[in-house]
């Protein structure tokens, strides 16, 4: 998956603040950094229902 696809996934999930809340992270900057660096593979594997879900990745933005 590309950085662009990771960014789109984060946006479809509600943005960096929402994703940080979903993951239980107090520091949203960590997730914000993924917009430019990509989502770490370790995180994708820890939360496959969010980041490896083809339904989220294939949905058109609302």
PDB file of N, CA and C in Angstrom:
ATOM      1  N   UNK A   1       0.850  -1.181   0.000  1.00  0.00           N
ATOM      2  CA  UNK A   1       0.000   0.000   0.000  1.00  0.00           C
ATOM      3  C   UNK A   1       0.890   1.237   0.000  1.00  0.00           C
ATOM      4  N   UNK A   2       0.484   2.224  -0.712  1.00  0.00           N
ATOM      5  CA  UNK A   2       1.277   3.442  -0.829  1.00  0.00           C
ATOM      6  C   UNK A   2       0.935   4.431   0.293  1.00  0.00           C
ATOM      7  N   UNK A   3       1.782   5.442   0.421  1.00  0.00           N
ATOM      8  CA  UNK A   3       1.533   6.494   1.404  1.00  0.00           C
ATOM      9  C   UNK A   3       0.231   7.212   1.060  1.00  0.00           C
ATOM     10  N   UNK A   4      -0.010   7.425  -0.226  1.00  0.00           N
ATOM     11  CA  UNK A   4      -1.246   8.081  -0.657  1.00  0.00           C
ATOM     12  C   UNK A   4      -2.467   7.255  -0.240  1.00  0.00           C
ATOM     13  N   UNK A   5      -2.395   5.950  -0.412  1.00  0.00           N
ATOM     14  CA  UNK A   5      -3.506   5.080  -0.021  1.00  0.00           C
ATOM     15  C   UNK A   5      -3.685   5.090   1.496  1.00  0.00           C
ATOM     16  N   UNK A   6      -2.590   5.125   2.236  1.00  0.00           N
ATOM     17  CA  UNK A   6      -2.675   5.196   3.697  1.00  0.00           C
ATOM     18  C   UNK A   6      -3.357   6.489   4.125  1.00  0.00           C
ATOM     19  N   UNK A   7      -2.997   7.585   3.485  1.00  0.00           N
ATOM     20  CA  UNK A   7      -3.601   8.882   3.802  1.00  0.00           C
ATOM     21  C   UNK A   7      -5.098   8.844   3.522  1.00  0.00           C
ATOM     22  N   UNK A   8      -5.479   8.275   2.388  1.00  0.00           N
ATOM     23  CA  UNK A   8      -6.898   8.171   2.043  1.00  0.00           C
ATOM     24  C   UNK A   8      -7.647   7.312   3.056  1.00  0.00           C
ATOM     25  N   UNK A   9      -7.026   6.235   3.511  1.00  0.00           N
ATOM     26  CA  UNK A   9      -7.651   5.377   4.518  1.00  0.00           C
ATOM     27  C   UNK A   9      -7.865   6.151   5.814  1.00  0.00           C
ATOM     28  N   UNK A  10      -6.856   6.905   6.240  1.00  0.00           N
ATOM     29  CA  UNK A  10      -6.989   7.706   7.461  1.00  0.00           C
ATOM     30  C   UNK A  10      -8.115   8.724   7.326  1.00  0.00           C
ATOM     31  N   UNK A  11      -8.203   9.358   6.175  1.00  0.00           N
ATOM     32  CA  UNK A  11      -9.267  10.339   5.952  1.00  0.00           C
ATOM     33  C   UNK A  11     -10.646   9.680   5.951  1.00  0.00           C
ATOM     34  N   UNK A  12     -10.755   8.504   5.346  1.00  0.00           N
ATOM     35  CA  UNK A  12     -12.026   7.786   5.316  1.00  0.00           C
ATOM     36  C   UNK A  12     -12.456   7.340   6.708  1.00  0.00           C
ATOM     37  N   UNK A  13     -11.487   7.118   7.584  1.00  0.00           N
ATOM     38  CA  UNK A  13     -11.790   6.717   8.960  1.00  0.00           C
ATOM     39  C   UNK A  13     -12.128   7.916   9.845  1.00  0.00           C
ATOM     40  N   UNK A  14     -12.033   9.121   9.298  1.00  0.00           N
ATOM     41  CA  UNK A  14     -12.413  10.306  10.057  1.00  0.00           C
ATOM     42  C   UNK A  14     -11.280  11.257  10.369  1.00  0.00           C
ATOM     43  N   UNK A  15     -10.089  10.997   9.860  1.00  0.00           N
ATOM     44  CA  UNK A  15      -8.948  11.883  10.093  1.00  0.00           C
ATOM     45  C   UNK A  15      -8.066  11.417  11.237  1.00  0.00           C
ATOM     46  N   UNK A  16      -6.966  12.120  11.415  1.00  0.00           N
ATOM     47  CA  UNK A  16      -5.960  11.683  12.385  1.00  0.00           C
ATOM     48  C   UNK A  16      -6.460  11.733  13.825  1.00  0.00           C
ATOM     49  N   UNK A  17      -7.254  12.728  14.178  1.00  0.00           N
ATOM     50  CA  UNK A  17      -7.759  12.820  15.548  1.00  0.00           C
ATOM     51  C   UNK A  17      -8.689  11.651  15.858  1.00  0.00           C
ATOM     52  N   UNK A  18      -9.592  11.355  14.944  1.00  0.00           N
ATOM     53  CA  UNK A  18     -10.536  10.251  15.136  1.00  0.00           C
ATOM     54  C   UNK A  18      -9.803   8.912  15.213  1.00  0.00           C
ATOM     55  N   UNK A  19      -8.822   8.701  14.337  1.00  0.00           N
ATOM     56  CA  UNK A  19      -8.080   7.450  14.338  1.00  0.00           C
ATOM     57  C   UNK A  19      -7.271   7.318  15.634  1.00  0.00           C
ATOM     58  N   UNK A  20      -6.677   8.415  16.090  1.00  0.00           N
ATOM     59  CA  UNK A  20      -5.942   8.382  17.356  1.00  0.00           C
ATOM     60  C   UNK A  20      -6.867   7.963  18.494  1.00  0.00           C
ATOM     61  N   UNK A  21      -8.088   8.477  18.497  1.00  0.00           N
ATOM     62  CA  UNK A  21      -9.068   8.094  19.515  1.00  0.00           C
ATOM     63  C   UNK A  21      -9.435   6.621  19.394  1.00  0.00           C
ATOM     64  N   UNK A  22      -9.647   6.146  18.168  1.00  0.00           N
ATOM     65  CA  UNK A  22      -9.992   4.734  17.956  1.00  0.00           C
ATOM     66  C   UNK A  22      -8.907   3.798  18.466  1.00  0.00           C
ATOM     67  N   UNK A  23      -7.648   4.224  18.314  1.00  0.00           N
ATOM     68  CA  UNK A  23      -6.521   3.391  18.727  1.00  0.00           C
ATOM     69  C   UNK A  23      -6.135   3.607  20.183  1.00  0.00           C
ATOM     70  N   UNK A  24      -6.731   4.591  20.826  1.00  0.00           N
ATOM     71  CA  UNK A  24      -6.421   4.868  22.221  1.00  0.00           C
ATOM     72  C   UNK A  24      -5.139   5.655  22.418  1.00  0.00           C
ATOM     73  N   UNK A  25      -4.692   6.370  21.394  1.00  0.00           N
ATOM     74  CA  UNK A  25      -3.483   7.183  21.491  1.00  0.00           C
ATOM     75  C   UNK A  25      -3.845   8.565  22.023  1.00  0.00           C
ATOM     76  N   UNK A  26      -3.117   9.026  23.022  1.00  0.00           N
ATOM     77  CA  UNK A  26      -3.355  10.363  23.564  1.00  0.00           C
ATOM     78  C   UNK A  26      -2.743  11.435  22.667  1.00  0.00           C
ATOM     79  N   UNK A  27      -1.665  11.084  21.980  1.00  0.00           N
ATOM     80  CA  UNK A  27      -0.956  12.032  21.120  1.00  0.00           C
ATOM     81  C   UNK A  27      -1.396  11.853  19.676  1.00  0.00           C
ATOM     82  N   UNK A  28      -2.228  12.778  19.188  1.00  0.00           N
ATOM     83  CA  UNK A  28      -2.723  12.657  17.811  1.00  0.00           C
ATOM     84  C   UNK A  28      -1.634  12.951  16.783  1.00  0.00           C
ATOM     85  N   UNK A  29      -0.564  13.617  17.193  1.00  0.00           N
ATOM     86  CA  UNK A  29       0.523  13.934  16.264  1.00  0.00           C
ATOM     87  C   UNK A  29       1.127  12.663  15.679  1.00  0.00           C
ATOM     88  N   UNK A  30       1.163  11.614  16.470  1.00  0.00           N
ATOM     89  CA  UNK A  30       1.687  10.331  16.004  1.00  0.00           C
ATOM     90  C   UNK A  30       0.932   9.868  14.765  1.00  0.00           C
ATOM     91  N   UNK A  31      -0.389   9.957  14.825  1.00  0.00           N
ATOM     92  CA  UNK A  31      -1.218   9.534  13.698  1.00  0.00           C
ATOM     93  C   UNK A  31      -1.132  10.554  12.562  1.00  0.00           C
ATOM     94  N   UNK A  32      -1.051  11.814  12.904  1.00  0.00           N
ATOM     95  CA  UNK A  32      -0.911  12.861  11.879  1.00  0.00           C
ATOM     96  C   UNK A  32       0.342  12.617  11.034  1.00  0.00           C
ATOM     97  N   UNK A  33       1.405  12.167  11.652  1.00  0.00           N
ATOM     98  CA  UNK A  33       2.644  11.878  10.921  1.00  0.00           C
ATOM     99  C   UNK A  33       2.448  10.789   9.869  1.00  0.00           C
ATOM    100  N   UNK A  34       1.511   9.895  10.100  1.00  0.00           N
ATOM    101  CA  UNK A  34       1.255   8.819   9.138  1.00  0.00           C
ATOM    102  C   UNK A  34       0.711   9.362   7.823  1.00  0.00           C
ATOM    103  N   UNK A  35       0.164  10.558   7.832  1.00  0.00           N
ATOM    104  CA  UNK A  35      -0.353  11.160   6.598  1.00  0.00           C
ATOM    105  C   UNK A  35       0.781  11.374   5.592  1.00  0.00           C
ATOM    106  N   UNK A  36       1.998  11.628   6.100  1.00  0.00           N
ATOM    107  CA  UNK A  36       3.133  11.856   5.206  1.00  0.00           C
ATOM    108  C   UNK A  36       4.107  10.687   5.173  1.00  0.00           C
ATOM    109  N   UNK A  37       4.115   9.885   6.212  1.00  0.00           N
ATOM    110  CA  UNK A  37       5.064   8.771   6.288  1.00  0.00           C
ATOM    111  C   UNK A  37       4.459   7.420   5.972  1.00  0.00           C
ATOM    112  N   UNK A  38       3.137   7.345   6.033  1.00  0.00           N
ATOM    113  CA  UNK A  38       2.456   6.070   5.859  1.00  0.00           C
ATOM    114  C   UNK A  38       2.202   5.413   7.211  1.00  0.00           C
ATOM    115  N   UNK A  39       1.237   4.531   7.242  1.00  0.00           N
ATOM    116  CA  UNK A  39       0.893   3.812   8.466  1.00  0.00           C
ATOM    117  C   UNK A  39       1.908   2.687   8.653  1.00  0.00           C
ATOM    118  N   UNK A  40       2.522   2.594   9.834  1.00  0.00           N
ATOM    119  CA  UNK A  40       3.494   1.519  10.063  1.00  0.00           C
ATOM    120  C   UNK A  40       2.855   0.136   9.898  1.00  0.00           C
ATOM    121  N   UNK A  41       3.589  -0.782   9.308  1.00  0.00           N
ATOM    122  CA  UNK A  41       3.086  -2.139   9.081  1.00  0.00           C
ATOM    123  C   UNK A  41       2.656  -2.795  10.385  1.00  0.00           C
ATOM    124  N   UNK A  42       3.401  -2.554  11.446  1.00  0.00           N
ATOM    125  CA  UNK A  42       3.074  -3.134  12.757  1.00  0.00           C
ATOM    126  C   UNK A  42       1.676  -2.707  13.207  1.00  0.00           C
ATOM    127  N   UNK A  43       1.348  -1.443  12.987  1.00  0.00           N
ATOM    128  CA  UNK A  43       0.033  -0.921  13.373  1.00  0.00           C
ATOM    129  C   UNK A  43      -1.053  -1.531  12.493  1.00  0.00           C
ATOM    130  N   UNK A  44      -0.777  -1.658  11.207  1.00  0.00           N
ATOM    131  CA  UNK A  44      -1.757  -2.270  10.300  1.00  0.00           C
ATOM    132  C   UNK A  44      -2.084  -3.696  10.741  1.00  0.00           C
ATOM    133  N   UNK A  45      -1.070  -4.425  11.182  1.00  0.00           N
ATOM    134  CA  UNK A  45      -1.289  -5.797  11.615  1.00  0.00           C
ATOM    135  C   UNK A  45      -1.977  -5.877  12.971  1.00  0.00           C
ATOM    136  N   UNK A  46      -1.768  -4.880  13.834  1.00  0.00           N
ATOM    137  CA  UNK A  46      -2.438  -4.852  15.136  1.00  0.00           C
ATOM    138  C   UNK A  46      -3.922  -4.517  14.993  1.00  0.00           C
ATOM    139  N   UNK A  47      -4.268  -3.751  13.976  1.00  0.00           N
ATOM    140  CA  UNK A  47      -5.645  -3.295  13.768  1.00  0.00           C
ATOM    141  C   UNK A  47      -6.103  -3.584  12.338  1.00  0.00           C
ATOM    142  N   UNK A  48      -6.121  -4.864  11.958  1.00  0.00           N
ATOM    143  CA  UNK A  48      -6.480  -5.187  10.571  1.00  0.00           C
ATOM    144  C   UNK A  48      -7.913  -4.792  10.218  1.00  0.00           C
ATOM    145  N   UNK A  49      -8.812  -4.765  11.206  1.00  0.00           N
ATOM    146  CA  UNK A  49     -10.199  -4.383  10.926  1.00  0.00           C
ATOM    147  C   UNK A  49     -10.308  -2.926  10.485  1.00  0.00           C
ATOM    148  N   UNK A  50      -9.314  -2.111  10.818  1.00  0.00           N
ATOM    149  CA  UNK A  50      -9.308  -0.714  10.388  1.00  0.00           C
ATOM    150  C   UNK A  50      -8.485  -0.497   9.125  1.00  0.00           C
ATOM    151  N   UNK A  51      -7.274  -1.041   9.113  1.00  0.00           N
ATOM    152  CA  UNK A  51      -6.324  -0.685   8.059  1.00  0.00           C
ATOM    153  C   UNK A  51      -6.199  -1.706   6.936  1.00  0.00           C
ATOM    154  N   UNK A  52      -6.669  -2.909   7.144  1.00  0.00           N
ATOM    155  CA  UNK A  52      -6.582  -3.918   6.093  1.00  0.00           C
ATOM    156  C   UNK A  52      -7.972  -4.356   5.628  1.00  0.00           C
ATOM    157  N   UNK A  53      -8.957  -3.540   5.927  1.00  0.00           N
ATOM    158  CA  UNK A  53     -10.335  -3.818   5.572  1.00  0.00           C
ATOM    159  C   UNK A  53     -10.608  -3.299   4.157  1.00  0.00           C
ATOM    160  N   UNK A  54     -10.834  -4.180   3.198  1.00  0.00           N
ATOM    161  CA  UNK A  54     -11.052  -3.724   1.820  1.00  0.00           C
ATOM    162  C   UNK A  54     -12.299  -2.860   1.668  1.00  0.00           C
ATOM    163  N   UNK A  55     -13.278  -3.006   2.537  1.00  0.00           N
ATOM    164  CA  UNK A  55     -14.500  -2.191   2.458  1.00  0.00           C
ATOM    165  C   UNK A  55     -14.188  -0.721   2.721  1.00  0.00           C
ATOM    166  N   UNK A  56     -13.308  -0.438   3.658  1.00  0.00           N
ATOM    167  CA  UNK A  56     -12.929   0.947   3.954  1.00  0.00           C
ATOM    168  C   UNK A  56     -12.113   1.514   2.807  1.00  0.00           C
ATOM    169  N   UNK A  57     -11.184   0.726   2.305  1.00  0.00           N
ATOM    170  CA  UNK A  57     -10.281   1.211   1.273  1.00  0.00           C
ATOM    171  C   UNK A  57     -10.981   1.426  -0.059  1.00  0.00           C
ATOM    172  N   UNK A  58     -12.056   0.713  -0.317  1.00  0.00           N
ATOM    173  CA  UNK A  58     -12.727   0.814  -1.604  1.00  0.00           C
ATOM    174  C   UNK A  58     -13.924   1.755  -1.602  1.00  0.00           C
ATOM    175  N   UNK A  59     -14.345   2.201  -0.426  1.00  0.00           N
ATOM    176  CA  UNK A  59     -15.482   3.121  -0.355  1.00  0.00           C
ATOM    177  C   UNK A  59     -15.094   4.474  -0.949  1.00  0.00           C
ATOM    178  N   UNK A  60     -16.024   5.096  -1.607  1.00  0.00           N
ATOM    179  CA  UNK A  60     -15.747   6.449  -2.104  1.00  0.00           C
ATOM    180  C   UNK A  60     -15.924   7.428  -0.955  1.00  0.00           C
ATOM    181  N   UNK A  61     -15.166   8.507  -0.980  1.00  0.00           N
ATOM    182  CA  UNK A  61     -15.257   9.498   0.071  1.00  0.00           C
ATOM    183  C   UNK A  61     -16.625  10.165   0.037  1.00  0.00           C
ATOM    184  N   UNK A  62     -17.184  10.355   1.207  1.00  0.00           N
ATOM    185  CA  UNK A  62     -18.532  10.928   1.299  1.00  0.00           C
ATOM    186  C   UNK A  62     -18.503  12.433   1.131  1.00  0.00           C
TER     187      UNK A  62
END
